[in-house]
C-alpha atoms as a PDB file:
ATOM      1  CA  MET A   1      22.596 -83.851   0.589  1.00  0.00           C
ATOM      2  CA  LYS A   2      23.441 -83.355   4.260  1.00  0.00           C
ATOM      3  CA  ILE A   3      26.707 -84.153   6.045  1.00  0.00           C
ATOM      4  CA  ARG A   4      26.382 -84.121   9.820  1.00  0.00           C
ATOM      5  CA  VAL A   5      29.163 -84.209  12.419  1.00  0.00           C
ATOM      6  CA  LYS A   6      27.794 -85.067  15.863  1.00  0.00           C
ATOM      7  CA  GLY A   7      29.036 -84.028  19.274  1.00  0.00           C
ATOM      8  CA  GLU A   8      31.010 -81.141  20.722  1.00  0.00           C
ATOM      9  CA  LEU A   9      34.421 -81.237  19.056  1.00  0.00           C
ATOM     10  CA  PRO A  10      37.342 -78.887  18.506  1.00  0.00           C
ATOM     11  CA  ILE A  11      37.180 -77.107  15.130  1.00  0.00           C
ATOM     12  CA  ALA A  12      40.270 -79.050  13.976  1.00  0.00           C
ATOM     13  CA  GLU A  13      38.438 -82.359  14.491  1.00  0.00           C
ATOM     14  CA  ILE A  14      35.315 -81.064  12.722  1.00  0.00           C
ATOM     15  CA  ARG A  15      37.531 -79.946   9.823  1.00  0.00           C
ATOM     16  CA  GLN A  16      39.055 -83.440   9.621  1.00  0.00           C
ATOM     17  CA  ALA A  17      35.650 -85.155   9.822  1.00  0.00           C
ATOM     18  CA  LEU A  18      34.338 -82.942   6.998  1.00  0.00           C
ATOM     19  CA  PHE A  19      37.445 -83.617   4.930  1.00  0.00           C
ATOM     20  CA  GLU A  20      36.934 -87.374   5.355  1.00  0.00           C
ATOM     21  CA  LYS A  21      33.232 -87.206   4.418  1.00  0.00           C
ATOM     22  CA  LEU A  22      33.938 -85.031   1.365  1.00  0.00           C
ATOM     23  CA  HIS A  23      36.635 -87.506   0.331  1.00  0.00           C
ATOM     24  CA  GLU A  24      34.087 -90.331   0.687  1.00  0.00           C
ATOM     25  CA  LEU A  25      31.541 -88.338  -1.342  1.00  0.00           C
ATOM     26  CA  GLU A  26      34.089 -87.849  -4.100  1.00  0.00           C
ATOM     27  CA  ASP A  27      35.699 -91.294  -4.156  1.00  0.00           C
ATOM     28  CA  ASP A  28      32.934 -93.696  -3.109  1.00  0.00           C
ATOM     29  CA  LEU A  29      29.916 -91.859  -4.516  1.00  0.00           C
ATOM     30  CA  ALA A  30      31.610 -90.325  -7.592  1.00  0.00           C
ATOM     31  CA  VAL A  31      30.356 -86.788  -6.884  1.00  0.00           C
ATOM     32  CA  ARG A  32      32.737 -84.281  -8.482  1.00  0.00           C
ATOM     33  CA  TYR A  33      30.868 -80.950  -8.340  1.00  0.00           C
ATOM     34  CA  SER A  34      28.446 -79.055  -6.118  1.00  0.00           C
ATOM     35  CA  MET A  35      26.499 -75.812  -6.499  1.00  0.00           C
ATOM     36  CA  GLY A  36      28.105 -74.510  -3.307  1.00  0.00           C
ATOM     37  CA  ALA A  37      27.623 -75.592   0.277  1.00  0.00           C
ATOM     38  CA  THR A  38      26.320 -74.205   3.552  1.00  0.00           C
ATOM     39  CA  LEU A  39      27.905 -75.144   6.864  1.00  0.00           C
ATOM     40  CA  TYR A  40      26.069 -74.352  10.081  1.00  0.00           C
ATOM     41  CA  VAL A  41      28.325 -74.094  13.135  1.00  0.00           C
ATOM     42  CA  ASN A  42      27.093 -74.030  16.726  1.00  0.00           C
ATOM     43  CA  PRO A  43      29.965 -72.372  18.648  1.00  0.00           C
ATOM     44  CA  THR A  44      30.477 -73.502  22.253  1.00  0.00           C
ATOM     45  CA  ASN A  45      32.994 -72.856  25.003  1.00  0.00           C
ATOM     46  CA  GLY A  46      34.074 -76.496  25.344  1.00  0.00           C
ATOM     47  CA  PHE A  47      31.605 -77.134  28.168  1.00  0.00           C
ATOM     48  CA  GLY A  48      28.507 -77.301  25.978  1.00  0.00           C
ATOM     49  CA  GLU A  49      27.514 -73.677  26.576  1.00  0.00           C
ATOM     50  CA  ARG A  50      26.790 -71.620  23.451  1.00  0.00           C
ATOM     51  CA  VAL A  51      28.963 -68.593  22.683  1.00  0.00           C
ATOM     52  CA  GLU A  52      28.552 -65.754  20.200  1.00  0.00           C
ATOM     53  CA  PRO A  53      31.648 -64.876  18.151  1.00  0.00           C
ATOM     54  CA  HIS A  54      32.579 -61.191  17.872  1.00  0.00           C
ATOM     55  CA  ASN A  55      34.996 -59.445  15.512  1.00  0.00           C
ATOM     56  CA  LYS A  56      37.869 -57.206  16.626  1.00  0.00           C
ATOM     57  CA  HIS A  57      35.462 -54.240  16.790  1.00  0.00           C
ATOM     58  CA  GLY A  58      33.156 -56.057  19.225  1.00  0.00           C
ATOM     59  CA  ARG A  59      30.367 -56.679  16.713  1.00  0.00           C
ATOM     60  CA  LYS A  60      28.616 -60.039  16.719  1.00  0.00           C
ATOM     61  CA  VAL A  61      29.452 -62.163  13.666  1.00  0.00           C
ATOM     62  CA  GLU A  62      26.604 -64.335  12.374  1.00  0.00           C
ATOM     63  CA  ASN A  63      27.765 -65.111   8.819  1.00  0.00           C
ATOM     64  CA  LEU A  64      31.061 -65.740   7.038  1.00  0.00           C
ATOM     65  CA  TYR A  65      31.116 -65.768   3.248  1.00  0.00           C
ATOM     66  CA  SER A  66      33.588 -67.365   0.844  1.00  0.00           C
ATOM     67  CA  ASP A  67      34.098 -67.161  -2.910  1.00  0.00           C
ATOM     68  CA  GLY A  68      36.060 -70.411  -2.770  1.00  0.00           C
ATOM     69  CA  PRO A  69      39.686 -71.175  -2.024  1.00  0.00           C
ATOM     70  CA  TYR A  70      42.527 -68.735  -2.596  1.00  0.00           C
ATOM     71  CA  ARG A  71      43.817 -68.922  -6.155  1.00  0.00           C
ATOM     72  CA  SER A  72      47.450 -68.139  -6.813  1.00  0.00           C
ATOM     73  CA  ALA A  73      48.532 -65.756  -9.581  1.00  0.00           C
ATOM     74  CA  ALA A  74      49.825 -68.785 -11.501  1.00  0.00           C
ATOM     75  CA  ASP A  75      46.338 -70.321 -11.410  1.00  0.00           C
ATOM     76  CA  GLU A  76      44.674 -67.026 -12.343  1.00  0.00           C
ATOM     77  CA  PHE A  77      46.941 -66.449 -15.348  1.00  0.00           C
ATOM     78  CA  LYS A  78      47.281 -70.159 -16.255  1.00  0.00           C
ATOM     79  CA  LEU A  79      51.063 -70.125 -15.856  1.00  0.00           C
END
């Protein structure tokens, strides 16, 4: 399944649009689980020109990986 957000938007607005679509997927379509997800981002400078993100060492960053949301110690130890 593909979720697409069109147009050049600030990251905060893309985050909100994704949140709303995931909420719709869960509530309206009764989907509760997924085998992960891949999000492709096309970074721009706000004027439609592509930019390449770099880390604090000046190296180009092409991928970010996540093992899921942060889990508190209480969640980890079922407290």
